[in-house]
């Protein structure tokens, strides 16, 4: 992929997720109903937002959670 070709190899793995039918702003409930904004359609999509939030929390837990043995 062009966007990840310069990514560091020692970082966490990258994963691309495509939500068919989801547009820019899919995470924001106030964008319902959808609207055209600067010639782009923006619209809330609850299913995509829930899945993205779940995936984000899984990623953070896997890669950023502090080791409880190293806390002061």
Protein backbone atom coordinates (compact mmCIF):
# COMPACT_ATOMS: atom_id res chain seq x y z
CA UNK A 1 0.00 0.00 0.00
CA UNK A 2 1.28 3.41 -0.87
CA UNK A 3 0.27 4.96 2.47
CA UNK A 4 2.14 2.40 4.56
CA UNK A 5 5.23 1.89 2.40
CA UNK A 6 7.23 4.29 4.59
CA UNK A 7 6.02 2.84 7.89
CA UNK A 8 8.55 1.61 10.39
CA UNK A 9 8.90 -2.15 10.54
CA UNK A 10 9.42 -2.21 14.32
CA UNK A 11 6.04 -0.69 15.20
CA UNK A 12 2.70 -2.37 15.74
CA UNK A 13 1.13 -4.07 12.73
CA UNK A 14 -1.12 -1.93 10.57
CA UNK A 15 -4.56 -3.07 9.54
CA UNK A 16 -6.87 -1.38 7.05
CA UNK A 17 -10.58 -1.76 7.68
CA UNK A 18 -13.14 -0.65 5.11
CA UNK A 19 -16.72 -0.07 6.21
CA UNK A 20 -18.92 -0.33 3.10
CA UNK A 21 -21.55 2.39 3.13
CA UNK A 22 -19.74 4.45 5.78
CA UNK A 23 -18.68 7.98 4.91
CA UNK A 24 -16.50 10.65 6.51
CA UNK A 25 -17.81 11.48 9.95
CA UNK A 26 -19.19 7.97 10.54
CA UNK A 27 -18.15 8.26 14.20
CA UNK A 28 -20.19 11.37 15.06
CA UNK A 29 -23.87 10.86 16.02
CA UNK A 30 -24.71 14.52 15.38
CA UNK A 31 -24.15 13.84 11.66
CA UNK A 32 -27.46 12.04 11.35
CA UNK A 33 -29.10 12.57 8.99
CA UNK A 34 -26.10 12.90 6.70
CA UNK A 35 -25.26 16.05 4.80
CA UNK A 36 -23.02 17.39 2.08
CA UNK A 37 -20.13 19.38 3.55
CA UNK A 38 -17.63 21.00 1.18
CA UNK A 39 -18.75 18.62 -1.60
CA UNK A 40 -18.21 15.52 0.59
CA UNK A 41 -20.95 13.41 2.12
CA UNK A 42 -20.63 13.03 5.90
CA UNK A 43 -22.93 10.77 7.89
CA UNK A 44 -23.00 8.87 11.17
CA UNK A 45 -22.94 5.07 10.90
CA UNK A 46 -23.53 3.40 14.27
CA UNK A 47 -22.38 -0.06 13.22
CA UNK A 48 -19.09 1.25 11.80
CA UNK A 49 -18.57 3.55 14.81
CA UNK A 50 -19.10 0.70 17.29
CA UNK A 51 -16.72 -1.58 15.40
CA UNK A 52 -14.06 1.12 15.06
CA UNK A 53 -14.29 1.96 18.76
CA UNK A 54 -13.98 -1.72 19.69
CA UNK A 55 -10.96 -2.16 17.40
CA UNK A 56 -9.32 0.99 18.77
CA UNK A 57 -9.64 -0.20 22.37
CA UNK A 58 -8.28 -3.64 21.45
CA UNK A 59 -5.29 -2.02 19.72
CA UNK A 60 -4.53 0.26 22.67
CA UNK A 61 -4.84 -2.61 25.15
CA UNK A 62 -2.49 -4.75 23.08
CA UNK A 63 0.16 -2.15 22.33
CA UNK A 64 0.05 0.57 24.97
CA UNK A 65 -1.19 -1.04 28.17
CA UNK A 66 1.39 -0.54 30.90
CA UNK A 67 2.92 -3.60 32.50
CA UNK A 68 1.48 -3.58 36.04
CA UNK A 69 4.82 -4.81 37.41
CA UNK A 70 6.60 -1.62 36.27
CA UNK A 71 4.28 0.88 37.96
CA UNK A 72 5.37 2.84 41.04
